[in-house]
Amino acid sequence: MKFSNYQNYEDLPLFLNAELLAKVLGVGVSSAYELMHEKGFPSVRIGKRFIVPRDDLKRWMDEQVAKRGSR
């Protein structure tokens, strides 16, 4: 499992690349890339790169937790 050096949400940069996303989520980089390509995940394509806006990631995570809680 990958560990993040960030202690709280505000420490994250405004945009996350696949490597940083992997560290934050505790998954491998290949899993982060797969997630970034999934429909409904808040990634943004700029040229050939995909990035994830920090605030959109937080919102997406909150939605996932809320969905899980309603089961």
PDB file of N, CA and C in Angstrom:
ATOM      1  N   MET A   1       0.844  -1.180   0.000  1.00  0.00           N
ATOM      2  CA  MET A   1       0.000   0.000   0.000  1.00  0.00           C
ATOM      3  C   MET A   1       0.885   1.238   0.000  1.00  0.00           C
ATOM      4  N   LYS A   2       0.499   2.209  -0.779  1.00  0.00           N
ATOM      5  CA  LYS A   2       1.228   3.473  -0.844  1.00  0.00           C
ATOM      6  C   LYS A   2       0.721   4.393   0.259  1.00  0.00           C
ATOM      7  N   PHE A   3       1.631   5.187   0.824  1.00  0.00           N
ATOM      8  CA  PHE A   3       1.238   6.122   1.861  1.00  0.00           C
ATOM      9  C   PHE A   3       1.479   7.550   1.401  1.00  0.00           C
ATOM     10  N   SER A   4       0.586   8.429   1.763  1.00  0.00           N
ATOM     11  CA  SER A   4       0.676   9.839   1.411  1.00  0.00           C
ATOM     12  C   SER A   4       1.411  10.604   2.503  1.00  0.00           C
ATOM     13  N   ASN A   5       2.183  11.597   2.096  1.00  0.00           N
ATOM     14  CA  ASN A   5       2.865  12.465   3.049  1.00  0.00           C
ATOM     15  C   ASN A   5       1.973  13.618   3.499  1.00  0.00           C
ATOM     16  N   TYR A   6       0.802  13.718   2.924  1.00  0.00           N
ATOM     17  CA  TYR A   6      -0.098  14.822   3.237  1.00  0.00           C
ATOM     18  C   TYR A   6      -0.891  14.497   4.488  1.00  0.00           C
ATOM     19  N   GLN A   7      -0.968  15.465   5.378  1.00  0.00           N
ATOM     20  CA  GLN A   7      -1.646  15.255   6.651  1.00  0.00           C
ATOM     21  C   GLN A   7      -3.120  15.621   6.602  1.00  0.00           C
ATOM     22  N   ASN A   8      -3.481  16.547   5.711  1.00  0.00           N
ATOM     23  CA  ASN A   8      -4.890  16.905   5.586  1.00  0.00           C
ATOM     24  C   ASN A   8      -5.178  17.361   4.156  1.00  0.00           C
ATOM     25  N   TYR A   9      -6.445  17.501   3.906  1.00  0.00           N
ATOM     26  CA  TYR A   9      -6.931  17.823   2.568  1.00  0.00           C
ATOM     27  C   TYR A   9      -6.353  19.137   2.033  1.00  0.00           C
ATOM     28  N   GLU A  10      -6.213  20.125   2.881  1.00  0.00           N
ATOM     29  CA  GLU A  10      -5.745  21.439   2.452  1.00  0.00           C
ATOM     30  C   GLU A  10      -4.279  21.425   2.014  1.00  0.00           C
ATOM     31  N   ASP A  11      -3.520  20.413   2.424  1.00  0.00           N
ATOM     32  CA  ASP A  11      -2.120  20.307   2.018  1.00  0.00           C
ATOM     33  C   ASP A  11      -1.950  19.850   0.576  1.00  0.00           C
ATOM     34  N   LEU A  12      -2.982  19.242   0.011  1.00  0.00           N
ATOM     35  CA  LEU A  12      -2.876  18.741  -1.356  1.00  0.00           C
ATOM     36  C   LEU A  12      -2.787  19.893  -2.349  1.00  0.00           C
ATOM     37  N   PRO A  13      -2.087  19.669  -3.466  1.00  0.00           N
ATOM     38  CA  PRO A  13      -2.075  20.698  -4.512  1.00  0.00           C
ATOM     39  C   PRO A  13      -3.456  20.800  -5.158  1.00  0.00           C
ATOM     40  N   LEU A  14      -3.689  21.874  -5.891  1.00  0.00           N
ATOM     41  CA  LEU A  14      -4.999  22.084  -6.524  1.00  0.00           C
ATOM     42  C   LEU A  14      -5.338  21.005  -7.539  1.00  0.00           C
ATOM     43  N   PHE A  15      -4.320  20.432  -8.191  1.00  0.00           N
ATOM     44  CA  PHE A  15      -4.527  19.388  -9.189  1.00  0.00           C
ATOM     45  C   PHE A  15      -3.615  18.212  -8.882  1.00  0.00           C
ATOM     46  N   LEU A  16      -4.150  17.010  -9.025  1.00  0.00           N
ATOM     47  CA  LEU A  16      -3.397  15.797  -8.737  1.00  0.00           C
ATOM     48  C   LEU A  16      -3.158  15.018 -10.019  1.00  0.00           C
ATOM     49  N   ASN A  17      -1.941  14.526 -10.184  1.00  0.00           N
ATOM     50  CA  ASN A  17      -1.658  13.637 -11.304  1.00  0.00           C
ATOM     51  C   ASN A  17      -1.878  12.203 -10.823  1.00  0.00           C
ATOM     52  N   ALA A  18      -1.656  11.229 -11.688  1.00  0.00           N
ATOM     53  CA  ALA A  18      -1.931   9.836 -11.339  1.00  0.00           C
ATOM     54  C   ALA A  18      -1.070   9.353 -10.177  1.00  0.00           C
ATOM     55  N   GLU A  19       0.189   9.749 -10.141  1.00  0.00           N
ATOM     56  CA  GLU A  19       1.067   9.307  -9.058  1.00  0.00           C
ATOM     57  C   GLU A  19       0.591   9.820  -7.704  1.00  0.00           C
ATOM     58  N   LEU A  20       0.233  11.085  -7.656  1.00  0.00           N
ATOM     59  CA  LEU A  20      -0.232  11.662  -6.395  1.00  0.00           C
ATOM     60  C   LEU A  20      -1.596  11.101  -6.011  1.00  0.00           C
ATOM     61  N   LEU A  21      -2.466  10.936  -6.981  1.00  0.00           N
ATOM     62  CA  LEU A  21      -3.774  10.334  -6.714  1.00  0.00           C
ATOM     63  C   LEU A  21      -3.601   8.945  -6.115  1.00  0.00           C
ATOM     64  N   ALA A  22      -2.670   8.178  -6.660  1.00  0.00           N
ATOM     65  CA  ALA A  22      -2.400   6.830  -6.144  1.00  0.00           C
ATOM     66  C   ALA A  22      -1.958   6.888  -4.685  1.00  0.00           C
ATOM     67  N   LYS A  23      -1.078   7.820  -4.358  1.00  0.00           N
ATOM     68  CA  LYS A  23      -0.604   7.948  -2.977  1.00  0.00           C
ATOM     69  C   LYS A  23      -1.739   8.343  -2.042  1.00  0.00           C
ATOM     70  N   VAL A  24      -2.547   9.288  -2.476  1.00  0.00           N
ATOM     71  CA  VAL A  24      -3.647   9.767  -1.633  1.00  0.00           C
ATOM     72  C   VAL A  24      -4.657   8.656  -1.368  1.00  0.00           C
ATOM     73  N   LEU A  25      -4.960   7.865  -2.390  1.00  0.00           N
ATOM     74  CA  LEU A  25      -5.959   6.803  -2.247  1.00  0.00           C
ATOM     75  C   LEU A  25      -5.367   5.504  -1.720  1.00  0.00           C
ATOM     76  N   GLY A  26      -4.043   5.405  -1.697  1.00  0.00           N
ATOM     77  CA  GLY A  26      -3.407   4.190  -1.212  1.00  0.00           C
ATOM     78  C   GLY A  26      -3.503   3.033  -2.183  1.00  0.00           C
ATOM     79  N   VAL A  27      -3.453   3.354  -3.478  1.00  0.00           N
ATOM     80  CA  VAL A  27      -3.525   2.326  -4.523  1.00  0.00           C
ATOM     81  C   VAL A  27      -2.314   2.456  -5.434  1.00  0.00           C
ATOM     82  N   GLY A  28      -2.169   1.532  -6.351  1.00  0.00           N
ATOM     83  CA  GLY A  28      -1.086   1.596  -7.315  1.00  0.00           C
ATOM     84  C   GLY A  28      -1.359   2.631  -8.389  1.00  0.00           C
ATOM     85  N   VAL A  29      -0.320   3.030  -9.080  1.00  0.00           N
ATOM     86  CA  VAL A  29      -0.456   4.046 -10.125  1.00  0.00           C
ATOM     87  C   VAL A  29      -1.353   3.538 -11.255  1.00  0.00           C
ATOM     88  N   SER A  30      -1.240   2.269 -11.594  1.00  0.00           N
ATOM     89  CA  SER A  30      -2.086   1.739 -12.670  1.00  0.00           C
ATOM     90  C   SER A  30      -3.566   1.794 -12.276  1.00  0.00           C
ATOM     91  N   SER A  31      -3.859   1.547 -11.011  1.00  0.00           N
ATOM     92  CA  SER A  31      -5.249   1.657 -10.544  1.00  0.00           C
ATOM     93  C   SER A  31      -5.728   3.100 -10.591  1.00  0.00           C
ATOM     94  N   ALA A  32      -4.841   4.040 -10.284  1.00  0.00           N
ATOM     95  CA  ALA A  32      -5.203   5.456 -10.352  1.00  0.00           C
ATOM     96  C   ALA A  32      -5.511   5.846 -11.798  1.00  0.00           C
ATOM     97  N   TYR A  33      -4.704   5.370 -12.745  1.00  0.00           N
ATOM     98  CA  TYR A  33      -4.970   5.658 -14.162  1.00  0.00           C
ATOM     99  C   TYR A  33      -6.318   5.078 -14.587  1.00  0.00           C
ATOM    100  N   GLU A  34      -6.602   3.861 -14.171  1.00  0.00           N
ATOM    101  CA  GLU A  34      -7.890   3.251 -14.515  1.00  0.00           C
ATOM    102  C   GLU A  34      -9.040   4.084 -13.974  1.00  0.00           C
ATOM    103  N   LEU A  35      -8.916   4.508 -12.742  1.00  0.00           N
ATOM    104  CA  LEU A  35      -9.957   5.318 -12.118  1.00  0.00           C
ATOM    105  C   LEU A  35     -10.143   6.638 -12.856  1.00  0.00           C
ATOM    106  N   MET A  36      -9.034   7.248 -13.267  1.00  0.00           N
ATOM    107  CA  MET A  36      -9.098   8.538 -13.965  1.00  0.00           C
ATOM    108  C   MET A  36      -9.813   8.428 -15.309  1.00  0.00           C
ATOM    109  N   HIS A  37      -9.877   7.228 -15.865  1.00  0.00           N
ATOM    110  CA  HIS A  37     -10.545   7.018 -17.145  1.00  0.00           C
ATOM    111  C   HIS A  37     -11.996   6.550 -16.999  1.00  0.00           C
ATOM    112  N   GLU A  38     -12.432   6.304 -15.780  1.00  0.00           N
ATOM    113  CA  GLU A  38     -13.802   5.848 -15.559  1.00  0.00           C
ATOM    114  C   GLU A  38     -14.806   6.981 -15.725  1.00  0.00           C
ATOM    115  N   LYS A  39     -15.939   6.623 -16.295  1.00  0.00           N
ATOM    116  CA  LYS A  39     -17.023   7.583 -16.446  1.00  0.00           C
ATOM    117  C   LYS A  39     -17.513   7.985 -15.055  1.00  0.00           C
ATOM    118  N   GLY A  40     -17.707   9.265 -14.845  1.00  0.00           N
ATOM    119  CA  GLY A  40     -18.188   9.758 -13.567  1.00  0.00           C
ATOM    120  C   GLY A  40     -17.092  10.181 -12.611  1.00  0.00           C
ATOM    121  N   PHE A  41     -15.847   9.797 -12.909  1.00  0.00           N
ATOM    122  CA  PHE A  41     -14.741  10.231 -12.063  1.00  0.00           C
ATOM    123  C   PHE A  41     -14.297  11.612 -12.531  1.00  0.00           C
ATOM    124  N   PRO A  42     -13.987  12.524 -11.604  1.00  0.00           N
ATOM    125  CA  PRO A  42     -13.730  13.924 -11.972  1.00  0.00           C
ATOM    126  C   PRO A  42     -12.326  14.224 -12.510  1.00  0.00           C
ATOM    127  N   SER A  43     -11.929  13.528 -13.556  1.00  0.00           N
ATOM    128  CA  SER A  43     -10.626  13.833 -14.151  1.00  0.00           C
ATOM    129  C   SER A  43     -10.813  14.776 -15.343  1.00  0.00           C
ATOM    130  N   VAL A  44      -9.771  15.516 -15.623  1.00  0.00           N
ATOM    131  CA  VAL A  44      -9.773  16.478 -16.718  1.00  0.00           C
ATOM    132  C   VAL A  44      -8.613  16.124 -17.636  1.00  0.00           C
ATOM    133  N   ARG A  45      -8.890  16.063 -18.918  1.00  0.00           N
ATOM    134  CA  ARG A  45      -7.831  15.775 -19.881  1.00  0.00           C
ATOM    135  C   ARG A  45      -7.275  17.084 -20.425  1.00  0.00           C
ATOM    136  N   ILE A  46      -5.965  17.203 -20.344  1.00  0.00           N
ATOM    137  CA  ILE A  46      -5.266  18.357 -20.908  1.00  0.00           C
ATOM    138  C   ILE A  46      -4.187  17.784 -21.821  1.00  0.00           C
ATOM    139  N   GLY A  47      -4.430  17.861 -23.108  1.00  0.00           N
ATOM    140  CA  GLY A  47      -3.523  17.223 -24.048  1.00  0.00           C
ATOM    141  C   GLY A  47      -3.588  15.722 -23.842  1.00  0.00           C
ATOM    142  N   LYS A  48      -2.459  15.113 -23.560  1.00  0.00           N
ATOM    143  CA  LYS A  48      -2.421  13.671 -23.307  1.00  0.00           C
ATOM    144  C   LYS A  48      -2.474  13.347 -21.820  1.00  0.00           C
ATOM    145  N   ARG A  49      -2.436  14.359 -20.986  1.00  0.00           N
ATOM    146  CA  ARG A  49      -2.406  14.155 -19.544  1.00  0.00           C
ATOM    147  C   ARG A  49      -3.793  14.219 -18.930  1.00  0.00           C
ATOM    148  N   PHE A  50      -3.967  13.471 -17.871  1.00  0.00           N
ATOM    149  CA  PHE A  50      -5.178  13.538 -17.069  1.00  0.00           C
ATOM    150  C   PHE A  50      -4.795  14.076 -15.700  1.00  0.00           C
ATOM    151  N   ILE A  51      -5.583  14.993 -15.196  1.00  0.00           N
ATOM    152  CA  ILE A  51      -5.395  15.520 -13.853  1.00  0.00           C
ATOM    153  C   ILE A  51      -6.738  15.514 -13.134  1.00  0.00           C
ATOM    154  N   VAL A  52      -6.671  15.591 -11.831  1.00  0.00           N
ATOM    155  CA  VAL A  52      -7.894  15.584 -11.021  1.00  0.00           C
ATOM    156  C   VAL A  52      -7.886  16.821 -10.143  1.00  0.00           C
ATOM    157  N   PRO A  53      -8.875  17.705 -10.306  1.00  0.00           N
ATOM    158  CA  PRO A  53      -8.970  18.869  -9.423  1.00  0.00           C
ATOM    159  C   PRO A  53      -9.237  18.411  -7.983  1.00  0.00           C
ATOM    160  N   ARG A  54      -8.478  18.946  -7.061  1.00  0.00           N
ATOM    161  CA  ARG A  54      -8.570  18.567  -5.652  1.00  0.00           C
ATOM    162  C   ARG A  54     -10.002  18.680  -5.125  1.00  0.00           C
ATOM    163  N   ASP A  55     -10.664  19.786  -5.387  1.00  0.00           N
ATOM    164  CA  ASP A  55     -12.013  19.992  -4.845  1.00  0.00           C
ATOM    165  C   ASP A  55     -13.004  19.005  -5.443  1.00  0.00           C
ATOM    166  N   ASP A  56     -12.839  18.682  -6.731  1.00  0.00           N
ATOM    167  CA  ASP A  56     -13.724  17.708  -7.366  1.00  0.00           C
ATOM    168  C   ASP A  56     -13.486  16.313  -6.811  1.00  0.00           C
ATOM    169  N   LEU A  57     -12.233  15.985  -6.495  1.00  0.00           N
ATOM    170  CA  LEU A  57     -11.927  14.693  -5.894  1.00  0.00           C
ATOM    171  C   LEU A  57     -12.605  14.577  -4.532  1.00  0.00           C
ATOM    172  N   LYS A  58     -12.519  15.616  -3.750  1.00  0.00           N
ATOM    173  CA  LYS A  58     -13.157  15.610  -2.416  1.00  0.00           C
ATOM    174  C   LYS A  58     -14.660  15.411  -2.545  1.00  0.00           C
ATOM    175  N   ARG A  59     -15.268  16.116  -3.481  1.00  0.00           N
ATOM    176  CA  ARG A  59     -16.712  16.000  -3.701  1.00  0.00           C
ATOM    177  C   ARG A  59     -17.073  14.577  -4.139  1.00  0.00           C
ATOM    178  N   TRP A  60     -16.287  14.010  -5.051  1.00  0.00           N
ATOM    179  CA  TRP A  60     -16.526  12.658  -5.536  1.00  0.00           C
ATOM    180  C   TRP A  60     -16.405  11.651  -4.389  1.00  0.00           C
ATOM    181  N   MET A  61     -15.379  11.807  -3.561  1.00  0.00           N
ATOM    182  CA  MET A  61     -15.195  10.893  -2.434  1.00  0.00           C
ATOM    183  C   MET A  61     -16.366  10.991  -1.464  1.00  0.00           C
ATOM    184  N   ASP A  62     -16.821  12.208  -1.191  1.00  0.00           N
ATOM    185  CA  ASP A  62     -17.977  12.392  -0.309  1.00  0.00           C
ATOM    186  C   ASP A  62     -19.215  11.696  -0.878  1.00  0.00           C
ATOM    187  N   GLU A  63     -19.411  11.795  -2.195  1.00  0.00           N
ATOM    188  CA  GLU A  63     -20.547  11.145  -2.847  1.00  0.00           C
ATOM    189  C   GLU A  63     -20.447   9.628  -2.726  1.00  0.00           C
ATOM    190  N   GLN A  64     -19.239   9.091  -2.891  1.00  0.00           N
ATOM    191  CA  GLN A  64     -19.043   7.648  -2.791  1.00  0.00           C
ATOM    192  C   GLN A  64     -19.350   7.154  -1.382  1.00  0.00           C
ATOM    193  N   VAL A  65     -18.915   7.905  -0.394  1.00  0.00           N
ATOM    194  CA  VAL A  65     -19.185   7.526   0.995  1.00  0.00           C
ATOM    195  C   VAL A  65     -20.686   7.598   1.277  1.00  0.00           C
ATOM    196  N   ALA A  66     -21.341   8.636   0.766  1.00  0.00           N
ATOM    197  CA  ALA A  66     -22.783   8.780   0.981  1.00  0.00           C
ATOM    198  C   ALA A  66     -23.552   7.640   0.330  1.00  0.00           C
ATOM    199  N   LYS A  67     -23.145   7.236  -0.872  1.00  0.00           N
ATOM    200  CA  LYS A  67     -23.803   6.114  -1.551  1.00  0.00           C
ATOM    201  C   LYS A  67     -23.639   4.831  -0.750  1.00  0.00           C
ATOM    202  N   ARG A  68     -22.453   4.636  -0.244  1.00  0.00           N
ATOM    203  CA  ARG A  68     -22.159   3.422   0.516  1.00  0.00           C
ATOM    204  C   ARG A  68     -22.961   3.392   1.824  1.00  0.00           C
ATOM    205  N   GLY A  69     -23.141   4.569   2.411  1.00  0.00           N
ATOM    206  CA  GLY A  69     -23.882   4.647   3.662  1.00  0.00           C
ATOM    207  C   GLY A  69     -25.366   4.402   3.499  1.00  0.00           C
ATOM    208  N   SER A  70     -25.889   4.603   2.302  1.00  0.00           N
ATOM    209  CA  SER A  70     -27.318   4.446   2.066  1.00  0.00           C
ATOM    210  C   SER A  70     -27.697   3.009   1.713  1.00  0.00           C
ATOM    211  N   ARG A  71     -26.736   2.103   1.682  1.00  0.00           N
ATOM    212  CA  ARG A  71     -27.023   0.701   1.337  1.00  0.00           C
ATOM    213  C   ARG A  71     -27.660  -0.031   2.462  1.00  0.00           C
TER     214      ARG A  71
END
